[in-house]
Protein backbone atom coordinates (compact mmCIF):
# COMPACT_ATOMS: atom_id res chain seq x y z
CA MET A 1 -4.42 28.07 20.50
CA ASN A 2 -4.52 24.40 21.32
CA ILE A 3 -1.20 22.92 19.99
CA LYS A 4 -2.21 19.52 20.41
CA GLN A 5 -5.10 19.82 18.09
CA HIS A 6 -2.89 20.58 15.39
CA ILE A 7 -0.51 17.87 15.66
CA PRO A 8 -2.74 14.92 14.08
CA ASN A 9 -3.09 17.43 10.82
CA THR A 10 0.85 18.69 10.91
CA LEU A 11 1.48 14.46 10.72
CA THR A 12 -1.08 14.40 7.57
CA THR A 13 0.24 17.09 5.83
CA LEU A 14 3.70 15.98 6.21
CA ASN A 15 1.96 12.36 4.64
CA LEU A 16 0.92 14.34 1.77
CA LEU A 17 4.29 16.16 1.46
CA CYS A 18 6.00 12.46 1.13
CA GLY A 19 3.90 11.77 -1.53
CA LEU A 20 4.44 14.99 -3.40
CA ILE A 21 8.23 14.14 -3.02
CA SER A 22 7.30 10.53 -4.29
CA LEU A 23 5.87 11.88 -7.49
CA THR A 24 9.17 14.38 -8.03
CA LEU A 25 11.96 11.19 -7.89
CA THR A 26 9.60 9.26 -9.95
CA PHE A 27 9.34 11.57 -12.72
CA ASP A 28 13.09 11.64 -12.45
CA GLY A 29 13.30 8.09 -12.62
CA ASN A 30 14.64 7.29 -9.14
CA PHE A 31 12.00 4.47 -8.10
CA VAL A 32 13.82 3.48 -5.46
CA TYR A 33 13.78 6.61 -3.36
CA ALA A 34 10.44 7.42 -4.53
CA SER A 35 9.36 3.92 -3.22
CA LEU A 36 11.28 4.57 0.12
CA PHE A 37 8.81 7.97 0.27
CA ILE A 38 5.71 6.09 0.11
CA PHE A 39 6.91 3.93 2.67
CA ILE A 40 7.60 7.05 4.88
CA ALA A 41 4.21 8.65 4.33
CA ALA A 42 2.40 5.40 5.66
CA VAL A 43 4.26 5.74 9.02
CA PHE A 44 3.17 9.54 9.02
CA ASP A 45 -0.23 7.76 8.01
CA PHE A 46 -0.11 5.46 11.08
CA LEU A 47 0.90 8.49 13.61
CA ASP A 48 -1.39 10.83 12.82
CA GLY A 49 -4.79 8.54 12.93
CA ASN A 50 -2.99 7.15 16.81
CA ALA A 51 -2.07 10.89 17.94
CA ALA A 52 -5.40 11.98 16.94
CA ARG A 53 -7.12 8.95 19.14
CA ILE A 54 -4.65 9.42 22.10
CA LEU A 55 -4.69 13.49 22.16
CA ASN A 56 -8.60 13.08 21.49
CA ALA A 57 -8.31 15.88 18.70
CA HIS A 58 -10.66 14.39 15.81
CA SER A 59 -11.83 17.11 13.48
CA GLU A 60 -14.02 16.99 10.57
CA LEU A 61 -10.92 18.73 8.47
CA GLY A 62 -8.49 16.36 9.60
CA LYS A 63 -10.82 13.58 8.34
CA GLN A 64 -11.09 15.27 5.05
CA LEU A 65 -7.08 16.38 5.04
CA ASP A 66 -6.24 12.61 5.62
CA SER A 67 -8.61 11.61 2.63
CA LEU A 68 -6.71 14.00 0.10
CA ALA A 69 -3.52 13.31 1.46
CA ASP A 70 -3.72 9.39 1.08
CA VAL A 71 -5.36 9.97 -2.17
CA VAL A 72 -1.81 11.29 -3.61
CA SER A 73 0.80 8.99 -1.45
CA PHE A 74 -1.17 6.12 -1.66
CA GLY A 75 -3.24 6.42 -5.13
CA VAL A 76 -1.16 9.21 -7.52
CA ALA A 77 2.25 8.25 -6.02
CA PRO A 78 2.23 4.67 -6.74
CA GLY A 79 0.05 4.65 -9.88
CA ILE A 80 2.74 6.89 -11.26
CA MET A 81 5.56 5.21 -10.31
CA ILE A 82 4.12 2.01 -12.12
CA PHE A 83 3.07 3.64 -14.59
CA GLN A 84 7.08 4.89 -15.41
CA MET A 85 8.14 1.21 -14.67
CA ILE A 86 5.62 -0.39 -17.20
CA SER A 87 6.55 2.25 -19.94
CA ALA A 88 10.40 1.69 -18.89
CA GLN A 89 9.90 -2.26 -19.76
CA CYS A 90 7.34 -1.93 -22.51
CA THR A 91 9.09 -2.33 -25.95
CA GLY A 92 6.47 -2.12 -28.09
CA GLY A 93 6.71 -5.95 -29.04
CA GLY A 94 4.20 -8.78 -27.67
CA ASN A 95 0.45 -8.21 -28.07
CA PHE A 96 -1.99 -5.01 -29.36
CA PHE A 97 -1.95 -3.54 -25.88
CA GLU A 98 2.36 -3.73 -25.57
CA ARG A 99 2.60 -2.95 -29.14
CA THR A 100 0.20 0.28 -29.03
CA HIS A 101 1.74 1.69 -25.38
CA ILE A 102 -1.61 1.42 -23.93
CA VAL A 103 -0.37 -0.91 -21.65
CA GLN A 104 1.04 1.39 -19.27
CA TYR A 105 -2.17 3.50 -19.01
CA PHE A 106 -3.22 0.90 -16.82
CA ALA A 107 -1.90 1.82 -13.86
CA MET A 108 -4.21 4.59 -13.67
CA LEU A 109 -6.54 2.49 -12.29
CA ILE A 110 -4.70 2.66 -8.60
CA PRO A 111 -5.52 6.34 -8.35
CA VAL A 112 -9.05 6.21 -9.62
CA CYS A 113 -9.73 3.07 -7.22
CA SER A 114 -7.97 4.44 -4.36
CA ALA A 115 -10.08 7.38 -4.56
CA LEU A 116 -13.09 5.63 -4.83
CA ARG A 117 -11.89 3.20 -1.89
CA LEU A 118 -11.05 6.28 0.27
CA ALA A 119 -14.34 8.04 -0.49
CA LYS A 120 -16.70 4.83 0.44
CA PHE A 121 -14.37 4.25 4.01
CA ASN A 122 -15.93 7.91 5.08
CA ILE A 123 -19.11 7.30 4.84
CA ASP A 124 -19.32 2.82 5.50
CA ILE A 125 -20.21 2.61 8.90
CA ARG A 126 -19.40 -0.88 8.51
CA GLN A 127 -15.29 -0.46 8.78
CA GLU A 128 -14.81 0.58 11.97
CA VAL A 129 -13.12 -2.73 13.22
CA ASN A 130 -11.98 -4.13 9.93
CA PHE A 131 -11.70 -2.99 6.40
CA ILE A 132 -14.02 -3.51 3.18
CA GLY A 133 -11.55 -4.08 0.50
CA ILE A 134 -8.28 -3.62 0.65
CA PRO A 135 -6.90 -0.35 2.23
CA THR A 136 -5.17 2.30 0.38
CA PRO A 137 -1.40 2.12 2.42
CA ALA A 138 -1.54 -1.86 2.19
CA ASN A 139 -2.13 -1.47 -1.76
CA ALA A 140 0.68 1.11 -1.89
CA ILE A 141 2.78 -0.26 -0.03
CA PHE A 142 2.97 -3.59 -2.11
CA PHE A 143 3.78 -1.83 -5.51
CA ALA A 144 6.36 0.68 -3.62
CA SER A 145 8.22 -2.50 -2.40
CA ILE A 146 8.64 -3.73 -6.15
CA PRO A 147 11.18 -1.24 -7.01
CA LEU A 148 13.40 -2.54 -3.72
CA VAL A 149 12.81 -6.23 -5.15
CA LEU A 150 13.98 -4.82 -8.75
CA TYR A 151 16.87 -2.96 -7.88
CA VAL A 152 18.17 -2.97 -4.17
CA GLN A 153 20.44 -6.09 -3.15
CA PRO A 154 19.27 -8.32 -0.78
CA GLY A 155 20.53 -7.33 2.62
CA LEU A 156 22.97 -9.20 5.08
CA PHE A 157 20.73 -10.82 6.95
CA SER A 158 18.73 -12.36 3.89
CA LEU A 159 18.97 -16.32 4.32
CA ILE A 160 17.02 -16.83 0.31
CA ARG A 161 17.97 -14.88 -2.60
CA ALA A 162 14.56 -13.47 -4.43
CA ASP A 163 15.65 -13.92 -8.13
CA PHE A 164 11.87 -15.93 -8.69
CA LEU A 165 10.58 -12.26 -7.47
CA VAL A 166 12.79 -10.31 -9.47
CA ALA A 167 11.89 -12.24 -12.47
CA PHE A 168 8.31 -12.00 -11.58
CA PHE A 169 8.45 -8.24 -11.47
CA SER A 170 10.17 -7.92 -14.51
CA ASN A 171 7.26 -9.40 -16.37
CA THR A 172 5.39 -6.43 -18.26
CA ARG A 173 2.16 -8.53 -18.56
CA ILE A 174 2.66 -9.96 -15.05
CA LEU A 175 2.86 -6.60 -13.36
CA THR A 176 -0.48 -5.23 -15.50
CA ILE A 177 -2.33 -7.99 -13.89
CA LEU A 178 -0.74 -7.19 -10.69
CA THR A 179 -2.60 -3.46 -11.09
CA VAL A 180 -5.51 -4.72 -12.13
CA PHE A 181 -6.50 -7.33 -9.51
CA PHE A 182 -5.18 -4.83 -6.81
CA SER A 183 -7.22 -2.23 -8.05
CA TYR A 184 -10.35 -4.22 -8.19
CA LEU A 185 -9.43 -5.72 -4.56
CA LEU A 186 -9.61 -1.97 -3.55
CA ILE A 187 -13.23 -1.51 -4.51
CA SER A 188 -14.39 -4.55 -3.79
CA ASP A 189 -16.94 -6.08 -0.90
CA PHE A 190 -14.19 -8.54 0.61
CA LYS A 191 -13.50 -7.87 4.35
CA ILE A 192 -9.97 -7.24 4.91
CA PHE A 193 -9.17 -7.71 8.57
CA SER A 194 -7.23 -4.89 10.85
CA MET A 195 -3.88 -5.06 12.29
CA LYS A 196 -5.40 -3.05 15.29
CA PHE A 197 -4.69 -4.76 18.79
CA LYS A 198 -7.58 -3.67 21.18
CA ASN A 199 -5.69 -6.22 23.72
CA MET A 200 -2.88 -9.20 23.92
CA ALA A 201 -4.89 -12.09 24.24
CA TRP A 202 -4.79 -14.77 21.20
CA SER A 203 -8.49 -15.42 21.16
CA GLY A 204 -9.80 -12.72 18.41
CA ASN A 205 -6.29 -11.65 17.37
CA GLN A 206 -5.30 -14.96 16.06
CA LEU A 207 -5.19 -13.63 12.47
CA ARG A 208 -2.95 -10.58 13.44
CA TYR A 209 -0.63 -12.96 15.38
CA VAL A 210 -0.40 -15.62 12.40
CA LEU A 211 0.69 -12.66 10.39
CA LEU A 212 3.53 -10.82 12.56
CA ILE A 213 4.99 -14.08 13.09
CA SER A 214 5.13 -15.12 9.41
CA SER A 215 5.98 -11.71 8.64
CA LEU A 216 9.18 -11.65 10.97
CA VAL A 217 10.25 -15.06 9.08
CA LEU A 218 9.79 -14.09 5.47
CA PHE A 219 12.26 -10.98 6.59
CA VAL A 220 14.32 -12.97 7.82
CA LEU A 221 14.25 -15.55 4.70
CA PHE A 222 14.48 -12.87 2.39
CA SER A 223 14.97 -9.62 3.53
CA LEU A 224 13.23 -6.22 1.89
CA SER A 225 11.98 -8.63 -0.79
CA ALA A 226 9.41 -10.23 2.09
CA ILE A 227 7.65 -7.29 1.66
CA PRO A 228 5.21 -8.24 -1.30
CA ILE A 229 5.25 -11.72 0.05
CA ILE A 230 3.43 -9.89 2.99
CA ILE A 231 0.77 -8.44 1.81
CA ILE A 232 0.06 -10.92 -0.58
CA LEU A 233 -0.41 -13.40 2.27
CA TYR A 234 -2.34 -10.64 4.20
CA ILE A 235 -4.63 -10.35 1.32
CA LEU A 236 -5.08 -14.07 0.89
CA MET A 237 -5.68 -14.83 4.66
CA SER A 238 -8.24 -11.99 4.86
CA ILE A 239 -9.64 -13.58 1.47
CA PHE A 240 -9.71 -17.32 2.91
CA PHE A 241 -11.24 -16.66 6.62
CA GLN A 242 -13.59 -14.50 5.42
CA ASN A 243 -16.29 -16.07 8.18
CA TYR A 244 -13.77 -15.01 11.19
CA ILE A 245 -13.31 -11.27 10.17
CA LEU A 246 -15.98 -9.43 11.85
CA GLU A 247 -17.34 -6.11 10.05
């Protein structure tokens, strides 16, 4: 048995396991730890792809397993989390959707569109260098960062309080609009640049370097609250510089 051939699939399985743990924590109302396990799942998702390339251990099984794990960890887990958060914030007042408690079901767009996004990725030859539509891990990280903004105090190295973000994400209507908008981005034809560096030169990596430097500055200023801002910046840069992103 060639052990190295099983390393990427093992990492993918750990990704799936983290997604399942996140779901159980969400059902218990522990949104902060549920979000942390989505972040850990994203780490395993990053590692399994790199392990497959380094070990030359690509397989059709690994490809299908990776998509199935991503549907759970980056589709179902954040979708159920947002469903529960909107449900907790929805008081039954406001517009028709809020009074009838329908609004939280918009969160189901996250797993549905994530599944569509992953299915398209598996058959789309245009996404070998960059992405068409926002990647499911980036989408999941955005929504997983919301409990950190709402329920975790800024770190010691945070220079600016992110009270405006707390008010922003506490608004049920805004959270619903973000859910619909990001779900659309998952299945859209917008080109999104990849953060994979083929070399360390400035030329060809300008967007990546600008995002990395901006992310560092935002982390110093806002600590954990910088995460959703970074994801929004990533999307805006991709949309604004569409003509500079190669397929």
